[in-house]
């Protein structure tokens, strides 16, 4: 259930923050999954249905690992850890409260914040 301040933030800013909504295990598993995608693809634009976008600012540099050369990864919502997260009843409850019960995840992305 949304608090009044969360609802107000959503109405005023278009978003709200709920610290520690996902536990650290979920975060670590998501991060490990996207790092594994980067390393398996190693410069290719696709891997197992996920679209990998290079970090253009770093295109001329060499990086120690593949994930340091990636900007974003799209189409993650069918991967197990991400699917479990988007199907979490707590998340669905919040989203449904804001948008109604007819929701669908049609785009997902992980954004790396690499220097450059």
C-alpha atoms as a PDB file:
ATOM      1  CA  UNK A   1       0.000   0.000   0.000  1.00  0.00           C
ATOM      2  CA  UNK A   2       1.236   3.471  -0.877  1.00  0.00           C
ATOM      3  CA  UNK A   3       1.826   6.053   1.808  1.00  0.00           C
ATOM      4  CA  UNK A   4       0.460   9.553   1.310  1.00  0.00           C
ATOM      5  CA  UNK A   5       3.977  10.918   0.732  1.00  0.00           C
ATOM      6  CA  UNK A   6       4.666   8.227  -1.904  1.00  0.00           C
ATOM      7  CA  UNK A   7       1.406   9.031  -3.666  1.00  0.00           C
ATOM      8  CA  UNK A   8       2.189  12.762  -3.557  1.00  0.00           C
ATOM      9  CA  UNK A   9       5.714  12.184  -4.904  1.00  0.00           C
ATOM     10  CA  UNK A  10       4.280  10.085  -7.724  1.00  0.00           C
ATOM     11  CA  UNK A  11       1.731  12.761  -8.591  1.00  0.00           C
ATOM     12  CA  UNK A  12       4.261  15.622  -8.345  1.00  0.00           C
ATOM     13  CA  UNK A  13       7.452  13.987  -9.667  1.00  0.00           C
ATOM     14  CA  UNK A  14       6.299  10.889 -11.520  1.00  0.00           C
ATOM     15  CA  UNK A  15       8.139   8.553  -9.145  1.00  0.00           C
ATOM     16  CA  UNK A  16       8.727   7.754  -5.492  1.00  0.00           C
ATOM     17  CA  UNK A  17      11.458   5.935  -3.609  1.00  0.00           C
ATOM     18  CA  UNK A  18      10.911   3.083  -1.209  1.00  0.00           C
ATOM     19  CA  UNK A  19      14.301   2.294   0.350  1.00  0.00           C
ATOM     20  CA  UNK A  20      15.156  -1.389   0.837  1.00  0.00           C
ATOM     21  CA  UNK A  21      12.109  -2.547  -1.153  1.00  0.00           C
ATOM     22  CA  UNK A  22      14.158  -5.361  -2.691  1.00  0.00           C
ATOM     23  CA  UNK A  23      16.518  -7.256  -0.441  1.00  0.00           C
ATOM     24  CA  UNK A  24      20.258  -7.356  -1.023  1.00  0.00           C
ATOM     25  CA  UNK A  25      20.146 -10.970  -2.231  1.00  0.00           C
ATOM     26  CA  UNK A  26      17.792  -9.987  -5.052  1.00  0.00           C
ATOM     27  CA  UNK A  27      20.032  -7.063  -5.979  1.00  0.00           C
ATOM     28  CA  UNK A  28      23.190  -9.184  -5.956  1.00  0.00           C
ATOM     29  CA  UNK A  29      21.505 -11.888  -8.051  1.00  0.00           C
ATOM     30  CA  UNK A  30      20.295  -9.325 -10.604  1.00  0.00           C
ATOM     31  CA  UNK A  31      23.750  -7.763 -10.808  1.00  0.00           C
ATOM     32  CA  UNK A  32      25.451 -11.151 -11.182  1.00  0.00           C
ATOM     33  CA  UNK A  33      23.025 -12.035 -13.979  1.00  0.00           C
ATOM     34  CA  UNK A  34      23.646  -8.868 -16.011  1.00  0.00           C
ATOM     35  CA  UNK A  35      27.412  -9.120 -15.493  1.00  0.00           C
ATOM     36  CA  UNK A  36      27.254 -12.716 -16.766  1.00  0.00           C
ATOM     37  CA  UNK A  37      25.312 -11.506 -19.830  1.00  0.00           C
ATOM     38  CA  UNK A  38      27.957  -8.851 -20.537  1.00  0.00           C
ATOM     39  CA  UNK A  39      30.793 -11.316 -20.237  1.00  0.00           C
ATOM     40  CA  UNK A  40      29.098 -14.007 -22.325  1.00  0.00           C
ATOM     41  CA  UNK A  41      28.244 -11.521 -25.086  1.00  0.00           C
ATOM     42  CA  UNK A  42      31.620  -9.721 -24.876  1.00  0.00           C
ATOM     43  CA  UNK A  43      30.876  -7.067 -27.460  1.00  0.00           C
ATOM     44  CA  UNK A  44      28.002  -8.759 -29.269  1.00  0.00           C
ATOM     45  CA  UNK A  45      24.731  -6.855 -29.276  1.00  0.00           C
ATOM     46  CA  UNK A  46      22.522  -9.798 -28.317  1.00  0.00           C
ATOM     47  CA  UNK A  47      22.701 -12.616 -25.808  1.00  0.00           C
ATOM     48  CA  UNK A  48      19.870 -15.060 -25.046  1.00  0.00           C
ATOM     49  CA  UNK A  49      17.258 -12.510 -26.113  1.00  0.00           C
ATOM     50  CA  UNK A  50      18.744  -9.584 -24.199  1.00  0.00           C
ATOM     51  CA  UNK A  51      19.877  -6.499 -26.118  1.00  0.00           C
ATOM     52  CA  UNK A  52      23.218  -5.095 -24.973  1.00  0.00           C
ATOM     53  CA  UNK A  53      24.095  -1.469 -25.663  1.00  0.00           C
ATOM     54  CA  UNK A  54      27.755  -0.408 -25.492  1.00  0.00           C
ATOM     55  CA  UNK A  55      28.860   2.672 -23.582  1.00  0.00           C
ATOM     56  CA  UNK A  56      29.664   5.021 -26.462  1.00  0.00           C
ATOM     57  CA  UNK A  57      31.766   7.320 -24.287  1.00  0.00           C
ATOM     58  CA  UNK A  58      34.107   4.420 -23.632  1.00  0.00           C
ATOM     59  CA  UNK A  59      34.237   2.987 -27.153  1.00  0.00           C
ATOM     60  CA  UNK A  60      37.845   4.073 -27.700  1.00  0.00           C
ATOM     61  CA  UNK A  61      39.068   2.748 -24.361  1.00  0.00           C
ATOM     62  CA  UNK A  62      39.882  -0.741 -23.269  1.00  0.00           C
ATOM     63  CA  UNK A  63      38.213  -1.868 -20.086  1.00  0.00           C
ATOM     64  CA  UNK A  64      39.261  -4.631 -17.743  1.00  0.00           C
ATOM     65  CA  UNK A  65      35.905  -6.415 -18.017  1.00  0.00           C
ATOM     66  CA  UNK A  66      33.018  -6.560 -20.471  1.00  0.00           C
ATOM     67  CA  UNK A  67      30.520  -5.001 -18.061  1.00  0.00           C
ATOM     68  CA  UNK A  68      32.643  -1.844 -17.892  1.00  0.00           C
ATOM     69  CA  UNK A  69      32.026  -1.328 -21.623  1.00  0.00           C
ATOM     70  CA  UNK A  70      28.223  -1.641 -21.407  1.00  0.00           C
ATOM     71  CA  UNK A  71      25.732   1.161 -20.947  1.00  0.00           C
ATOM     72  CA  UNK A  72      22.392  -0.697 -20.811  1.00  0.00           C
ATOM     73  CA  UNK A  73      20.905  -4.143 -21.184  1.00  0.00           C
ATOM     74  CA  UNK A  74      17.314  -4.427 -22.411  1.00  0.00           C
ATOM     75  CA  UNK A  75      14.739  -7.245 -22.415  1.00  0.00           C
ATOM     76  CA  UNK A  76      15.584  -8.783 -19.067  1.00  0.00           C
ATOM     77  CA  UNK A  77      12.069  -9.398 -17.760  1.00  0.00           C
ATOM     78  CA  UNK A  78      11.935 -13.023 -18.926  1.00  0.00           C
ATOM     79  CA  UNK A  79      15.099 -13.980 -17.064  1.00  0.00           C
ATOM     80  CA  UNK A  80      14.297 -15.785 -13.790  1.00  0.00           C
ATOM     81  CA  UNK A  81      15.521 -13.247 -11.210  1.00  0.00           C
ATOM     82  CA  UNK A  82      13.918 -10.323 -13.030  1.00  0.00           C
ATOM     83  CA  UNK A  83      10.691 -12.225 -13.723  1.00  0.00           C
ATOM     84  CA  UNK A  84      10.396 -13.135 -10.036  1.00  0.00           C
ATOM     85  CA  UNK A  85      10.833  -9.484  -9.120  1.00  0.00           C
ATOM     86  CA  UNK A  86       8.209  -8.132 -11.519  1.00  0.00           C
ATOM     87  CA  UNK A  87       5.762 -10.829 -10.410  1.00  0.00           C
ATOM     88  CA  UNK A  88       6.302 -10.073  -6.706  1.00  0.00           C
ATOM     89  CA  UNK A  89       2.847  -9.420  -5.191  1.00  0.00           C
ATOM     90  CA  UNK A  90       4.256  -6.457  -3.239  1.00  0.00           C
ATOM     91  CA  UNK A  91       5.388  -4.770  -6.455  1.00  0.00           C
ATOM     92  CA  UNK A  92       2.207  -5.676  -8.319  1.00  0.00           C
ATOM     93  CA  UNK A  93       0.173  -4.205  -5.458  1.00  0.00           C
ATOM     94  CA  UNK A  94       1.966  -0.864  -5.687  1.00  0.00           C
ATOM     95  CA  UNK A  95       1.789  -0.714  -9.474  1.00  0.00           C
ATOM     96  CA  UNK A  96      -1.880  -1.713  -9.516  1.00  0.00           C
ATOM     97  CA  UNK A  97      -2.677   0.946  -6.963  1.00  0.00           C
ATOM     98  CA  UNK A  98      -1.194   3.576  -9.280  1.00  0.00           C
ATOM     99  CA  UNK A  99      -2.091   2.251 -12.721  1.00  0.00           C
ATOM    100  CA  UNK A 100      -4.922  -0.233 -12.259  1.00  0.00           C
ATOM    101  CA  UNK A 101      -4.858  -4.008 -12.514  1.00  0.00           C
ATOM    102  CA  UNK A 102      -4.241  -4.292 -16.277  1.00  0.00           C
ATOM    103  CA  UNK A 103      -0.468  -3.912 -16.363  1.00  0.00           C
ATOM    104  CA  UNK A 104       2.187  -5.615 -18.447  1.00  0.00           C
ATOM    105  CA  UNK A 105       5.964  -5.439 -18.526  1.00  0.00           C
ATOM    106  CA  UNK A 106       6.884  -4.870 -22.148  1.00  0.00           C
ATOM    107  CA  UNK A 107      10.294  -3.258 -21.664  1.00  0.00           C
ATOM    108  CA  UNK A 108      12.933  -3.831 -19.036  1.00  0.00           C
ATOM    109  CA  UNK A 109      16.441  -2.507 -18.718  1.00  0.00           C
ATOM    110  CA  UNK A 110      19.445  -2.457 -16.442  1.00  0.00           C
ATOM    111  CA  UNK A 111      21.563   0.696 -16.580  1.00  0.00           C
ATOM    112  CA  UNK A 112      25.254   0.581 -15.742  1.00  0.00           C
ATOM    113  CA  UNK A 113      26.744   3.797 -14.369  1.00  0.00           C
ATOM    114  CA  UNK A 114      30.249   3.462 -15.732  1.00  0.00           C
ATOM    115  CA  UNK A 115      32.588   6.465 -15.710  1.00  0.00           C
ATOM    116  CA  UNK A 116      32.898   8.383 -18.917  1.00  0.00           C
END
